[in-house]
């Protein structure tokens, strides 16, 4: 299981279009109370350009993951003496993204922040922290949740707070049995900084069904 997004290029796209939106607002709404409330009107040139750019970034991230998985499988095939194939199905899902969908009879733009799509029968990934279980799930198509589910446990404290509260010794204990980094630079990722993944899964039983439970063996950060 691996992850790659579009944080670098995504940040550049976001910064560019935020600047454009703020410039547009200065022309159309002189009394906007906060510049961070700037927006594009649907159907405008900048709106359409932004949606196209976001779609490009999401495809960029998807292709990154595909290429990374190909490289990982090739490396494993060289390292493992017994021949094997991985040819059933790759679950490749976005999180923190926006796309057009139809809900309640209307076409809308759905933004999933910390969430993934969970349409009926759709496979998804819900990862735990670097010391917890992860899950492959199948969506149940819950209409009131806009066919979505959580992307993972989510943080219960900020990275800064985790670094202040926990030590390397805490990180070693929390990731016992997992081959991973156990140093000061990853304390902000300590499992104790995240919510209980089992409680999260129990809370969204009506959104997804668990297909596979994955036990953490190796975790590579950075």
N, C-alpha and C. Protein backbone atom coordinates (compact mmCIF):
# COMPACT_ATOMS: atom_id res chain seq x y z
N UNK A 1 0.85 -1.18 0.00
CA UNK A 1 0.00 0.00 0.00
C UNK A 1 0.89 1.23 0.00
N UNK A 2 0.67 2.14 -0.91
CA UNK A 2 1.51 3.33 -1.01
C UNK A 2 0.66 4.57 -1.28
N UNK A 3 1.30 5.72 -1.09
CA UNK A 3 0.59 6.98 -1.31
C UNK A 3 1.50 7.99 -1.99
N UNK A 4 0.94 8.69 -2.93
CA UNK A 4 1.59 9.86 -3.53
C UNK A 4 0.49 10.81 -3.97
N UNK A 5 0.69 12.08 -3.69
CA UNK A 5 -0.30 13.08 -4.08
C UNK A 5 0.29 14.06 -5.07
N UNK A 6 -0.18 15.29 -4.97
CA UNK A 6 0.30 16.34 -5.89
C UNK A 6 0.58 17.60 -5.09
N UNK A 7 1.20 17.44 -3.91
CA UNK A 7 1.32 18.58 -2.99
C UNK A 7 2.12 19.72 -3.59
N UNK A 8 3.23 19.42 -4.27
CA UNK A 8 4.04 20.49 -4.86
C UNK A 8 3.31 21.22 -5.96
N UNK A 9 2.89 20.47 -6.97
CA UNK A 9 2.19 21.09 -8.09
C UNK A 9 0.80 21.55 -7.65
N UNK A 10 0.19 20.84 -6.72
CA UNK A 10 -1.12 21.25 -6.22
C UNK A 10 -1.05 22.58 -5.50
N UNK A 11 -0.01 22.77 -4.72
CA UNK A 11 0.18 24.04 -4.02
C UNK A 11 0.38 25.18 -5.02
N UNK A 12 1.15 24.91 -6.08
CA UNK A 12 1.38 25.94 -7.10
C UNK A 12 0.08 26.32 -7.80
N UNK A 13 -0.73 25.30 -8.12
CA UNK A 13 -2.03 25.56 -8.76
C UNK A 13 -2.92 26.37 -7.83
N UNK A 14 -3.00 25.96 -6.56
CA UNK A 14 -3.84 26.66 -5.60
C UNK A 14 -3.43 28.11 -5.41
N UNK A 15 -2.13 28.33 -5.24
CA UNK A 15 -1.62 29.70 -5.04
C UNK A 15 -1.93 30.58 -6.25
N UNK A 16 -1.74 30.03 -7.45
CA UNK A 16 -2.00 30.79 -8.67
C UNK A 16 -3.47 31.22 -8.76
N UNK A 17 -4.37 30.28 -8.52
CA UNK A 17 -5.79 30.60 -8.71
C UNK A 17 -6.36 31.40 -7.54
N UNK A 18 -5.80 31.27 -6.35
CA UNK A 18 -6.22 32.12 -5.24
C UNK A 18 -5.90 33.58 -5.57
N UNK A 19 -4.71 33.80 -6.13
CA UNK A 19 -4.32 35.15 -6.52
C UNK A 19 -5.27 35.71 -7.58
N UNK A 20 -5.63 34.87 -8.56
CA UNK A 20 -6.57 35.31 -9.60
C UNK A 20 -7.94 35.62 -9.01
N UNK A 21 -8.41 34.79 -8.08
CA UNK A 21 -9.72 35.00 -7.47
C UNK A 21 -9.76 36.31 -6.69
N UNK A 22 -8.69 36.58 -5.96
CA UNK A 22 -8.64 37.82 -5.19
C UNK A 22 -8.63 39.04 -6.11
N UNK A 23 -7.94 38.92 -7.25
CA UNK A 23 -7.94 40.02 -8.21
C UNK A 23 -9.32 40.23 -8.81
N UNK A 24 -10.00 39.12 -9.13
CA UNK A 24 -11.36 39.20 -9.67
C UNK A 24 -12.31 39.87 -8.68
N UNK A 25 -12.20 39.51 -7.41
CA UNK A 25 -13.09 40.05 -6.39
C UNK A 25 -12.89 41.56 -6.23
N UNK A 26 -11.67 42.02 -6.37
CA UNK A 26 -11.42 43.46 -6.23
C UNK A 26 -12.15 44.25 -7.33
N UNK A 27 -12.37 43.59 -8.47
CA UNK A 27 -13.08 44.24 -9.56
C UNK A 27 -14.59 44.18 -9.39
N UNK A 28 -15.09 43.11 -8.78
CA UNK A 28 -16.55 42.88 -8.74
C UNK A 28 -17.19 43.17 -7.39
N UNK A 29 -16.46 42.91 -6.30
CA UNK A 29 -17.03 43.12 -4.96
C UNK A 29 -16.00 43.89 -4.13
N UNK A 30 -16.13 45.17 -4.12
CA UNK A 30 -15.15 46.02 -3.43
C UNK A 30 -15.25 45.89 -1.91
N UNK A 31 -16.40 45.41 -1.42
CA UNK A 31 -16.60 45.37 0.04
C UNK A 31 -16.42 43.96 0.61
N UNK A 32 -15.74 43.07 -0.09
CA UNK A 32 -15.52 41.72 0.42
C UNK A 32 -14.84 41.82 1.79
N UNK A 33 -15.44 41.26 2.86
CA UNK A 33 -14.91 41.48 4.22
C UNK A 33 -13.55 40.84 4.47
N UNK A 34 -13.21 39.80 3.73
CA UNK A 34 -11.92 39.12 3.93
C UNK A 34 -11.44 38.62 2.58
N UNK A 35 -10.20 38.93 2.24
CA UNK A 35 -9.68 38.54 0.93
C UNK A 35 -9.67 37.02 0.74
N UNK A 36 -9.63 36.24 1.84
CA UNK A 36 -9.64 34.78 1.73
C UNK A 36 -11.02 34.23 1.36
N UNK A 37 -12.03 35.11 1.30
CA UNK A 37 -13.37 34.68 0.86
C UNK A 37 -13.53 34.80 -0.66
N UNK A 38 -12.46 35.14 -1.36
CA UNK A 38 -12.54 35.31 -2.82
C UNK A 38 -12.91 33.99 -3.49
N UNK A 39 -13.67 34.07 -4.58
CA UNK A 39 -14.13 32.87 -5.28
C UNK A 39 -14.31 33.18 -6.76
N UNK A 40 -14.47 32.13 -7.55
CA UNK A 40 -14.80 32.25 -8.97
C UNK A 40 -16.28 31.94 -9.15
N UNK A 41 -16.92 32.66 -10.03
CA UNK A 41 -18.30 32.36 -10.40
C UNK A 41 -18.32 31.20 -11.39
N UNK A 42 -19.16 30.20 -11.13
CA UNK A 42 -19.21 29.04 -12.02
C UNK A 42 -19.58 29.50 -13.44
N UNK A 43 -18.83 28.98 -14.39
CA UNK A 43 -19.04 29.34 -15.78
C UNK A 43 -18.07 30.39 -16.28
N UNK A 44 -17.36 31.05 -15.35
CA UNK A 44 -16.36 32.04 -15.76
C UNK A 44 -15.11 31.32 -16.28
N UNK A 45 -14.28 32.06 -17.01
CA UNK A 45 -13.08 31.47 -17.58
C UNK A 45 -12.15 30.93 -16.51
N UNK A 46 -11.95 31.71 -15.46
CA UNK A 46 -11.04 31.27 -14.40
C UNK A 46 -11.59 30.06 -13.66
N UNK A 47 -12.91 30.00 -13.49
CA UNK A 47 -13.53 28.84 -12.84
C UNK A 47 -13.24 27.58 -13.65
N UNK A 48 -13.51 27.64 -14.95
CA UNK A 48 -13.29 26.47 -15.81
C UNK A 48 -11.82 26.09 -15.85
N UNK A 49 -10.94 27.09 -15.90
CA UNK A 49 -9.50 26.81 -15.91
C UNK A 49 -9.07 26.12 -14.61
N UNK A 50 -9.64 26.58 -13.49
CA UNK A 50 -9.28 26.00 -12.20
C UNK A 50 -9.73 24.54 -12.12
N UNK A 51 -10.96 24.26 -12.54
CA UNK A 51 -11.47 22.89 -12.51
C UNK A 51 -10.60 21.99 -13.40
N UNK A 52 -10.20 22.49 -14.57
CA UNK A 52 -9.32 21.71 -15.45
C UNK A 52 -7.97 21.45 -14.78
N UNK A 53 -7.42 22.46 -14.11
CA UNK A 53 -6.12 22.31 -13.46
C UNK A 53 -6.18 21.31 -12.31
N UNK A 54 -7.27 21.35 -11.53
CA UNK A 54 -7.44 20.40 -10.44
C UNK A 54 -7.56 18.98 -10.98
N UNK A 55 -8.29 18.81 -12.06
CA UNK A 55 -8.41 17.50 -12.69
C UNK A 55 -7.06 16.98 -13.16
N UNK A 56 -6.24 17.90 -13.71
CA UNK A 56 -4.90 17.51 -14.17
C UNK A 56 -4.06 17.04 -12.99
N UNK A 57 -4.11 17.78 -11.87
CA UNK A 57 -3.32 17.43 -10.69
C UNK A 57 -3.74 16.08 -10.13
N UNK A 58 -5.03 15.79 -10.15
CA UNK A 58 -5.52 14.51 -9.65
C UNK A 58 -5.05 13.36 -10.54
N UNK A 59 -5.03 13.57 -11.83
CA UNK A 59 -4.54 12.53 -12.73
C UNK A 59 -3.03 12.36 -12.57
N UNK A 60 -2.32 13.46 -12.34
CA UNK A 60 -0.88 13.42 -12.07
C UNK A 60 -0.61 12.54 -10.85
N UNK A 61 -1.39 12.73 -9.78
CA UNK A 61 -1.22 11.93 -8.57
C UNK A 61 -1.54 10.47 -8.83
N UNK A 62 -2.60 10.21 -9.60
CA UNK A 62 -2.98 8.83 -9.91
C UNK A 62 -1.86 8.11 -10.67
N UNK A 63 -1.29 8.79 -11.68
CA UNK A 63 -0.21 8.18 -12.45
C UNK A 63 1.05 7.99 -11.61
N UNK A 64 1.31 8.92 -10.69
CA UNK A 64 2.42 8.74 -9.75
C UNK A 64 2.27 7.43 -8.99
N UNK A 65 1.08 7.20 -8.46
CA UNK A 65 0.86 5.98 -7.67
C UNK A 65 1.00 4.73 -8.54
N UNK A 66 0.51 4.79 -9.76
CA UNK A 66 0.62 3.63 -10.65
C UNK A 66 2.08 3.30 -10.93
N UNK A 67 2.87 4.32 -11.25
CA UNK A 67 4.29 4.10 -11.55
C UNK A 67 5.06 3.62 -10.33
N UNK A 68 4.72 4.18 -9.16
CA UNK A 68 5.38 3.74 -7.93
C UNK A 68 5.06 2.28 -7.63
N UNK A 69 3.80 1.89 -7.83
CA UNK A 69 3.43 0.50 -7.58
C UNK A 69 4.14 -0.45 -8.55
N UNK A 70 4.25 -0.05 -9.81
CA UNK A 70 4.99 -0.87 -10.78
C UNK A 70 6.43 -1.05 -10.32
N UNK A 71 7.06 0.03 -9.82
CA UNK A 71 8.45 -0.05 -9.37
C UNK A 71 8.59 -0.93 -8.12
N UNK A 72 7.63 -0.81 -7.19
CA UNK A 72 7.67 -1.63 -5.98
C UNK A 72 7.53 -3.11 -6.33
N UNK A 73 6.60 -3.44 -7.20
CA UNK A 73 6.40 -4.84 -7.58
C UNK A 73 7.63 -5.40 -8.30
N UNK A 74 8.24 -4.58 -9.16
CA UNK A 74 9.45 -5.02 -9.86
C UNK A 74 10.57 -5.29 -8.86
N UNK A 75 10.71 -4.42 -7.84
CA UNK A 75 11.75 -4.62 -6.83
C UNK A 75 11.49 -5.88 -6.01
N UNK A 76 10.22 -6.11 -5.66
CA UNK A 76 9.88 -7.31 -4.89
C UNK A 76 10.14 -8.58 -5.69
N UNK A 77 9.84 -8.53 -6.98
CA UNK A 77 10.07 -9.71 -7.82
C UNK A 77 11.55 -10.05 -7.93
N UNK A 78 12.40 -9.03 -7.82
CA UNK A 78 13.84 -9.28 -7.83
C UNK A 78 14.33 -9.81 -6.49
N UNK A 79 13.69 -9.38 -5.40
CA UNK A 79 14.16 -9.73 -4.06
C UNK A 79 13.59 -11.04 -3.55
N UNK A 80 12.41 -11.43 -4.03
CA UNK A 80 11.76 -12.66 -3.54
C UNK A 80 12.05 -13.79 -4.52
N UNK A 81 12.70 -14.85 -4.08
CA UNK A 81 13.09 -15.94 -4.99
C UNK A 81 11.92 -16.62 -5.69
N UNK A 82 10.81 -16.81 -4.97
CA UNK A 82 9.68 -17.52 -5.56
C UNK A 82 8.92 -16.60 -6.51
N UNK A 83 8.74 -16.98 -7.78
CA UNK A 83 8.02 -16.11 -8.74
C UNK A 83 6.59 -15.85 -8.29
N UNK A 84 6.12 -14.64 -8.50
CA UNK A 84 4.73 -14.32 -8.19
C UNK A 84 4.23 -13.25 -9.15
N UNK A 85 2.91 -13.13 -9.23
CA UNK A 85 2.29 -12.09 -10.03
C UNK A 85 1.29 -11.33 -9.17
N UNK A 86 1.13 -10.06 -9.46
CA UNK A 86 0.12 -9.24 -8.79
C UNK A 86 -0.79 -8.70 -9.88
N UNK A 87 -1.83 -9.45 -10.19
CA UNK A 87 -2.62 -9.11 -11.38
C UNK A 87 -4.12 -9.11 -11.13
N UNK A 88 -4.54 -9.09 -9.86
CA UNK A 88 -5.98 -9.12 -9.59
C UNK A 88 -6.60 -7.75 -9.79
N UNK A 89 -6.36 -6.84 -8.84
CA UNK A 89 -6.93 -5.50 -8.95
C UNK A 89 -6.13 -4.53 -8.09
N UNK A 90 -5.82 -3.38 -8.64
CA UNK A 90 -5.16 -2.32 -7.88
C UNK A 90 -6.22 -1.31 -7.46
N UNK A 91 -6.27 -1.00 -6.17
CA UNK A 91 -7.21 -0.02 -5.65
C UNK A 91 -6.51 1.33 -5.65
N UNK A 92 -6.92 2.22 -6.53
CA UNK A 92 -6.25 3.51 -6.69
C UNK A 92 -7.28 4.60 -6.42
N UNK A 93 -7.22 5.22 -5.25
CA UNK A 93 -8.27 6.18 -4.89
C UNK A 93 -7.68 7.50 -4.42
N UNK A 94 -8.36 8.58 -4.78
CA UNK A 94 -7.97 9.92 -4.35
C UNK A 94 -8.49 10.20 -2.94
N UNK A 95 -7.86 11.16 -2.26
CA UNK A 95 -8.47 11.81 -1.10
C UNK A 95 -8.02 13.26 -1.15
N UNK A 96 -8.75 14.13 -0.47
CA UNK A 96 -8.51 15.58 -0.56
C UNK A 96 -8.61 16.04 -2.01
N UNK A 97 -9.79 15.98 -2.56
CA UNK A 97 -9.96 16.30 -3.99
C UNK A 97 -11.39 16.76 -4.25
N UNK A 98 -11.64 17.17 -5.48
CA UNK A 98 -12.98 17.62 -5.87
C UNK A 98 -13.32 17.03 -7.23
N UNK A 99 -14.58 16.65 -7.43
CA UNK A 99 -15.00 16.17 -8.74
C UNK A 99 -16.52 16.35 -8.90
N UNK A 100 -16.94 16.41 -10.15
CA UNK A 100 -18.37 16.54 -10.45
C UNK A 100 -19.07 15.20 -10.28
N UNK A 101 -20.20 15.23 -9.59
CA UNK A 101 -21.02 14.05 -9.40
C UNK A 101 -22.48 14.47 -9.38
N UNK A 102 -23.36 13.51 -9.50
CA UNK A 102 -24.79 13.77 -9.41
C UNK A 102 -25.32 13.22 -8.10
N UNK A 103 -25.94 14.09 -7.29
CA UNK A 103 -26.52 13.69 -6.02
C UNK A 103 -27.88 14.37 -5.87
N UNK A 104 -28.86 13.59 -5.44
CA UNK A 104 -30.22 14.10 -5.23
C UNK A 104 -30.74 14.81 -6.47
N UNK A 105 -30.40 14.24 -7.64
CA UNK A 105 -30.93 14.75 -8.90
C UNK A 105 -30.25 15.99 -9.44
N UNK A 106 -29.14 16.42 -8.80
CA UNK A 106 -28.43 17.62 -9.26
C UNK A 106 -26.96 17.31 -9.49
N UNK A 107 -26.39 17.97 -10.51
CA UNK A 107 -24.95 17.85 -10.70
C UNK A 107 -24.27 18.86 -9.78
N UNK A 108 -23.34 18.36 -8.96
CA UNK A 108 -22.67 19.21 -7.98
C UNK A 108 -21.17 18.91 -8.00
N UNK A 109 -20.40 19.83 -7.43
CA UNK A 109 -18.97 19.60 -7.21
C UNK A 109 -18.80 19.12 -5.77
N UNK A 110 -18.35 17.89 -5.61
CA UNK A 110 -18.16 17.31 -4.29
C UNK A 110 -16.69 17.43 -3.90
N UNK A 111 -16.43 18.10 -2.78
CA UNK A 111 -15.08 18.18 -2.23
C UNK A 111 -14.95 17.18 -1.10
N UNK A 112 -14.00 16.26 -1.22
CA UNK A 112 -13.76 15.28 -0.16
C UNK A 112 -12.42 15.61 0.50
N UNK A 113 -12.50 16.15 1.69
CA UNK A 113 -11.32 16.50 2.48
C UNK A 113 -11.17 15.49 3.60
N UNK A 114 -10.09 14.72 3.57
CA UNK A 114 -9.95 13.64 4.54
C UNK A 114 -10.97 12.56 4.32
N UNK A 115 -11.42 12.41 3.08
CA UNK A 115 -12.47 11.44 2.75
C UNK A 115 -12.19 10.84 1.38
N UNK A 116 -12.80 9.70 1.12
CA UNK A 116 -12.71 9.05 -0.18
C UNK A 116 -14.11 8.69 -0.65
N UNK A 117 -14.23 8.44 -1.93
CA UNK A 117 -15.52 8.06 -2.49
C UNK A 117 -15.88 6.64 -2.04
N UNK A 118 -17.15 6.42 -1.78
CA UNK A 118 -17.62 5.10 -1.33
C UNK A 118 -18.94 4.78 -2.02
N UNK A 119 -18.96 4.91 -3.36
CA UNK A 119 -20.15 4.55 -4.12
C UNK A 119 -20.40 3.05 -3.98
N UNK A 120 -21.60 2.63 -4.25
CA UNK A 120 -21.97 1.23 -4.08
C UNK A 120 -21.01 0.32 -4.86
N UNK A 121 -20.34 -0.57 -4.14
CA UNK A 121 -19.44 -1.54 -4.76
C UNK A 121 -18.04 -1.02 -5.03
N UNK A 122 -17.79 0.26 -4.83
CA UNK A 122 -16.48 0.84 -5.13
C UNK A 122 -15.47 0.49 -4.04
N UNK A 123 -14.30 0.00 -4.45
CA UNK A 123 -13.26 -0.32 -3.49
C UNK A 123 -12.48 0.93 -3.10
N UNK A 124 -12.09 0.99 -1.83
CA UNK A 124 -11.32 2.13 -1.34
C UNK A 124 -10.30 1.68 -0.30
N UNK A 125 -9.44 2.61 0.09
CA UNK A 125 -8.39 2.35 1.07
C UNK A 125 -8.58 3.28 2.26
N UNK A 126 -8.57 2.72 3.46
CA UNK A 126 -8.63 3.52 4.68
C UNK A 126 -7.40 3.15 5.51
N UNK A 127 -6.36 3.98 5.45
CA UNK A 127 -5.12 3.65 6.16
C UNK A 127 -5.15 4.07 7.62
N UNK A 128 -4.49 3.26 8.46
CA UNK A 128 -4.28 3.65 9.84
C UNK A 128 -2.98 4.41 9.97
N UNK A 129 -2.57 4.68 11.19
CA UNK A 129 -1.29 5.35 11.44
C UNK A 129 -0.15 4.37 11.19
N UNK A 130 1.09 4.82 11.40
CA UNK A 130 2.23 3.97 11.10
C UNK A 130 2.38 2.81 12.08
N UNK A 131 1.51 2.71 13.06
CA UNK A 131 1.55 1.56 13.96
C UNK A 131 0.24 0.83 14.05
N UNK A 132 -0.71 1.16 13.17
CA UNK A 132 -2.06 0.58 13.26
C UNK A 132 -2.44 -0.19 12.01
N UNK A 133 -3.59 -0.83 12.08
CA UNK A 133 -4.11 -1.56 10.93
C UNK A 133 -4.59 -0.60 9.85
N UNK A 134 -4.71 -1.14 8.63
CA UNK A 134 -5.33 -0.41 7.53
C UNK A 134 -6.38 -1.31 6.90
N UNK A 135 -7.25 -0.74 6.08
CA UNK A 135 -8.39 -1.50 5.58
C UNK A 135 -8.63 -1.25 4.09
N UNK A 136 -8.96 -2.32 3.39
CA UNK A 136 -9.53 -2.23 2.05
C UNK A 136 -11.03 -2.37 2.24
N UNK A 137 -11.80 -1.43 1.71
CA UNK A 137 -13.24 -1.41 1.97
C UNK A 137 -14.02 -1.38 0.65
N UNK A 138 -15.29 -1.71 0.77
CA UNK A 138 -16.21 -1.62 -0.37
C UNK A 138 -17.34 -0.65 0.01
N UNK A 139 -17.56 0.34 -0.84
CA UNK A 139 -18.56 1.34 -0.53
C UNK A 139 -19.98 0.80 -0.52
N UNK A 140 -20.81 1.39 0.34
CA UNK A 140 -22.23 1.01 0.43
C UNK A 140 -23.14 2.06 -0.21
N UNK A 141 -22.56 3.12 -0.76
CA UNK A 141 -23.36 4.10 -1.49
C UNK A 141 -24.36 4.86 -0.64
N UNK A 142 -23.93 5.31 0.55
CA UNK A 142 -24.83 6.02 1.46
C UNK A 142 -25.10 7.42 0.89
N UNK A 143 -26.34 7.64 0.47
CA UNK A 143 -26.69 8.88 -0.24
C UNK A 143 -26.49 10.12 0.62
N UNK A 144 -26.88 10.06 1.90
CA UNK A 144 -26.79 11.25 2.75
C UNK A 144 -25.36 11.63 3.07
N UNK A 145 -24.42 10.69 2.87
CA UNK A 145 -23.00 10.98 3.05
C UNK A 145 -22.35 11.31 1.71
N UNK A 146 -23.18 11.57 0.70
CA UNK A 146 -22.69 11.84 -0.65
C UNK A 146 -21.75 10.74 -1.11
N UNK A 147 -22.11 9.49 -0.75
CA UNK A 147 -21.34 8.30 -1.16
C UNK A 147 -19.87 8.46 -0.81
N UNK A 148 -19.61 8.81 0.45
CA UNK A 148 -18.25 9.05 0.92
C UNK A 148 -18.02 8.32 2.23
N UNK A 149 -16.74 8.20 2.60
CA UNK A 149 -16.36 7.69 3.91
C UNK A 149 -15.07 8.38 4.33
N UNK A 150 -14.67 8.20 5.58
CA UNK A 150 -13.45 8.83 6.05
C UNK A 150 -12.24 8.19 5.37
N UNK A 151 -11.16 8.97 5.26
CA UNK A 151 -9.94 8.45 4.64
C UNK A 151 -9.04 7.76 5.65
N UNK A 152 -9.28 7.91 6.91
CA UNK A 152 -8.42 7.30 7.91
C UNK A 152 -8.79 7.76 9.30
N UNK A 153 -7.90 7.51 10.24
CA UNK A 153 -8.20 7.83 11.63
C UNK A 153 -8.23 9.34 11.86
N UNK A 154 -7.39 10.08 11.17
CA UNK A 154 -7.35 11.52 11.40
C UNK A 154 -6.57 11.86 12.66
N UNK A 155 -6.01 13.03 12.68
CA UNK A 155 -5.18 13.43 13.83
C UNK A 155 -6.06 13.83 15.01
N UNK A 156 -5.61 13.49 16.22
CA UNK A 156 -6.27 14.00 17.42
C UNK A 156 -5.45 15.09 18.08
N UNK A 157 -4.25 15.33 17.55
CA UNK A 157 -3.45 16.47 18.00
C UNK A 157 -2.57 16.94 16.85
N UNK A 158 -2.14 18.18 16.91
CA UNK A 158 -1.33 18.75 15.84
C UNK A 158 0.07 18.13 15.84
N UNK A 159 0.77 18.32 14.74
CA UNK A 159 2.15 17.84 14.65
C UNK A 159 3.03 18.51 15.71
N UNK A 160 2.83 19.80 15.91
CA UNK A 160 3.61 20.54 16.91
C UNK A 160 3.35 20.00 18.31
N UNK A 161 2.08 19.75 18.63
CA UNK A 161 1.75 19.22 19.95
C UNK A 161 2.35 17.85 20.16
N UNK A 162 2.31 16.99 19.11
CA UNK A 162 2.86 15.64 19.23
C UNK A 162 4.36 15.69 19.51
N UNK A 163 5.06 16.60 18.83
CA UNK A 163 6.51 16.71 19.03
C UNK A 163 6.84 17.18 20.45
N UNK A 164 5.97 18.02 21.02
CA UNK A 164 6.20 18.51 22.38
C UNK A 164 5.85 17.45 23.42
N UNK A 165 4.84 16.63 23.13
CA UNK A 165 4.31 15.72 24.15
C UNK A 165 5.01 14.37 24.20
N UNK A 166 5.53 13.90 23.05
CA UNK A 166 6.07 12.55 22.99
C UNK A 166 7.57 12.54 22.73
N UNK A 167 8.20 11.42 23.12
CA UNK A 167 9.65 11.26 22.96
C UNK A 167 9.93 10.13 21.97
N UNK A 168 11.20 9.98 21.64
CA UNK A 168 11.60 8.87 20.77
C UNK A 168 11.27 7.54 21.44
N UNK A 169 11.42 7.47 22.76
CA UNK A 169 11.08 6.25 23.50
C UNK A 169 9.59 5.91 23.33
N UNK A 170 8.74 6.93 23.36
CA UNK A 170 7.31 6.72 23.13
C UNK A 170 7.08 6.17 21.72
N UNK A 171 7.79 6.74 20.75
CA UNK A 171 7.65 6.29 19.35
C UNK A 171 8.08 4.83 19.21
N UNK A 172 9.16 4.45 19.86
CA UNK A 172 9.64 3.06 19.81
C UNK A 172 8.58 2.12 20.38
N UNK A 173 8.00 2.47 21.53
CA UNK A 173 6.98 1.61 22.14
C UNK A 173 5.72 1.53 21.27
N UNK A 174 5.31 2.66 20.69
CA UNK A 174 4.06 2.71 19.92
C UNK A 174 4.16 1.95 18.60
N UNK A 175 5.38 1.77 18.09
CA UNK A 175 5.55 1.08 16.81
C UNK A 175 6.27 -0.26 16.98
N UNK A 176 6.15 -0.84 18.16
CA UNK A 176 6.78 -2.14 18.40
C UNK A 176 6.23 -3.17 17.42
N UNK A 177 7.12 -3.95 16.83
CA UNK A 177 6.70 -4.96 15.87
C UNK A 177 6.58 -4.46 14.45
N UNK A 178 6.80 -3.16 14.24
CA UNK A 178 6.74 -2.58 12.90
C UNK A 178 8.14 -2.09 12.52
N UNK A 179 8.62 -2.49 11.36
CA UNK A 179 9.90 -2.01 10.87
C UNK A 179 9.69 -0.63 10.26
N UNK A 180 10.21 0.41 10.93
CA UNK A 180 9.98 1.77 10.48
C UNK A 180 11.00 2.70 11.14
N UNK A 181 11.00 3.96 10.72
CA UNK A 181 11.84 4.95 11.38
C UNK A 181 11.36 5.18 12.80
N UNK A 182 12.31 5.30 13.70
CA UNK A 182 11.98 5.54 15.11
C UNK A 182 12.95 6.60 15.63
N UNK A 183 12.79 7.81 15.08
CA UNK A 183 13.69 8.89 15.45
C UNK A 183 12.90 10.18 15.66
N UNK A 184 13.61 11.23 16.08
CA UNK A 184 12.96 12.49 16.46
C UNK A 184 12.23 13.16 15.31
N UNK A 185 12.66 12.91 14.08
CA UNK A 185 12.06 13.59 12.93
C UNK A 185 10.70 13.02 12.54
N UNK A 186 10.29 11.89 13.12
CA UNK A 186 8.97 11.33 12.78
C UNK A 186 8.06 11.23 14.00
N UNK A 187 8.42 11.90 15.08
CA UNK A 187 7.56 11.85 16.27
C UNK A 187 6.19 12.43 15.98
N UNK A 188 6.11 13.41 15.06
CA UNK A 188 4.79 13.98 14.73
C UNK A 188 3.86 12.96 14.08
N UNK A 189 4.41 11.81 13.64
CA UNK A 189 3.60 10.75 13.03
C UNK A 189 3.34 9.61 14.01
N UNK A 190 3.68 9.79 15.26
CA UNK A 190 3.48 8.73 16.25
C UNK A 190 2.01 8.29 16.28
N UNK A 191 1.74 6.99 16.38
CA UNK A 191 0.34 6.53 16.39
C UNK A 191 -0.53 7.20 17.45
N UNK A 192 0.06 7.59 18.58
CA UNK A 192 -0.71 8.21 19.65
C UNK A 192 -1.25 9.58 19.28
N UNK A 193 -0.75 10.15 18.19
CA UNK A 193 -1.25 11.46 17.73
C UNK A 193 -2.49 11.30 16.86
N UNK A 194 -2.89 10.05 16.60
CA UNK A 194 -4.03 9.77 15.73
C UNK A 194 -5.17 9.12 16.51
N UNK A 195 -6.36 9.22 15.98
CA UNK A 195 -7.53 8.60 16.59
C UNK A 195 -7.46 7.08 16.44
N UNK A 196 -8.25 6.38 17.21
CA UNK A 196 -8.31 4.92 17.18
C UNK A 196 -8.99 4.49 15.88
N UNK A 197 -8.27 3.81 15.01
CA UNK A 197 -8.81 3.43 13.71
C UNK A 197 -9.98 2.46 13.85
N UNK A 198 -9.98 1.60 14.88
CA UNK A 198 -11.10 0.68 15.08
C UNK A 198 -12.37 1.44 15.43
N UNK A 199 -12.25 2.50 16.23
CA UNK A 199 -13.42 3.31 16.57
C UNK A 199 -13.94 4.03 15.34
N UNK A 200 -13.03 4.49 14.49
CA UNK A 200 -13.44 5.17 13.25
C UNK A 200 -14.19 4.21 12.35
N UNK A 201 -13.68 2.99 12.21
CA UNK A 201 -14.34 2.01 11.34
C UNK A 201 -15.71 1.63 11.89
N UNK A 202 -15.80 1.52 13.20
CA UNK A 202 -17.09 1.18 13.81
C UNK A 202 -18.11 2.29 13.56
N UNK A 203 -17.65 3.54 13.55
CA UNK A 203 -18.54 4.68 13.37
C UNK A 203 -19.05 4.82 11.94
N UNK A 204 -18.40 4.15 10.98
CA UNK A 204 -18.84 4.28 9.60
C UNK A 204 -19.24 2.93 8.99
N UNK A 205 -19.83 2.10 9.84
CA UNK A 205 -20.32 0.80 9.36
C UNK A 205 -21.39 0.95 8.29
N UNK A 206 -22.14 2.06 8.32
CA UNK A 206 -23.20 2.27 7.34
C UNK A 206 -22.67 2.86 6.03
N UNK A 207 -21.39 3.20 5.99
CA UNK A 207 -20.81 3.81 4.79
C UNK A 207 -20.01 2.82 3.96
N UNK A 208 -19.32 1.88 4.64
CA UNK A 208 -18.47 0.91 3.94
C UNK A 208 -18.53 -0.44 4.65
N UNK A 209 -18.16 -1.49 3.90
CA UNK A 209 -17.92 -2.79 4.51
C UNK A 209 -16.45 -3.13 4.34
N UNK A 210 -15.88 -3.78 5.33
CA UNK A 210 -14.46 -4.13 5.30
C UNK A 210 -14.27 -5.39 4.44
N UNK A 211 -13.38 -5.29 3.46
CA UNK A 211 -13.06 -6.43 2.60
C UNK A 211 -11.79 -7.12 3.08
N UNK A 212 -10.77 -6.34 3.41
CA UNK A 212 -9.51 -6.88 3.91
C UNK A 212 -8.99 -6.00 5.05
N UNK A 213 -8.42 -6.64 6.06
CA UNK A 213 -7.72 -5.92 7.13
C UNK A 213 -6.24 -6.17 6.97
N UNK A 214 -5.45 -5.09 6.87
CA UNK A 214 -4.01 -5.20 6.65
C UNK A 214 -3.26 -4.90 7.94
N UNK A 215 -2.35 -5.79 8.30
CA UNK A 215 -1.53 -5.59 9.50
C UNK A 215 -0.22 -4.93 9.10
N UNK A 216 0.14 -3.90 9.85
CA UNK A 216 1.37 -3.17 9.58
C UNK A 216 2.60 -4.05 9.84
N UNK A 217 3.48 -4.15 8.84
CA UNK A 217 4.74 -4.89 8.99
C UNK A 217 5.92 -3.95 8.77
N UNK A 218 5.88 -3.22 7.67
CA UNK A 218 6.91 -2.24 7.32
C UNK A 218 6.23 -0.93 6.98
N UNK A 219 6.76 0.17 7.47
CA UNK A 219 6.23 1.49 7.14
C UNK A 219 7.39 2.40 6.74
N UNK A 220 7.32 2.92 5.54
CA UNK A 220 8.36 3.80 5.02
C UNK A 220 7.80 5.22 4.99
N UNK A 221 8.45 6.14 5.71
CA UNK A 221 8.02 7.54 5.74
C UNK A 221 9.05 8.40 5.02
N UNK A 222 8.57 9.25 4.12
CA UNK A 222 9.47 10.19 3.46
C UNK A 222 10.24 9.56 2.31
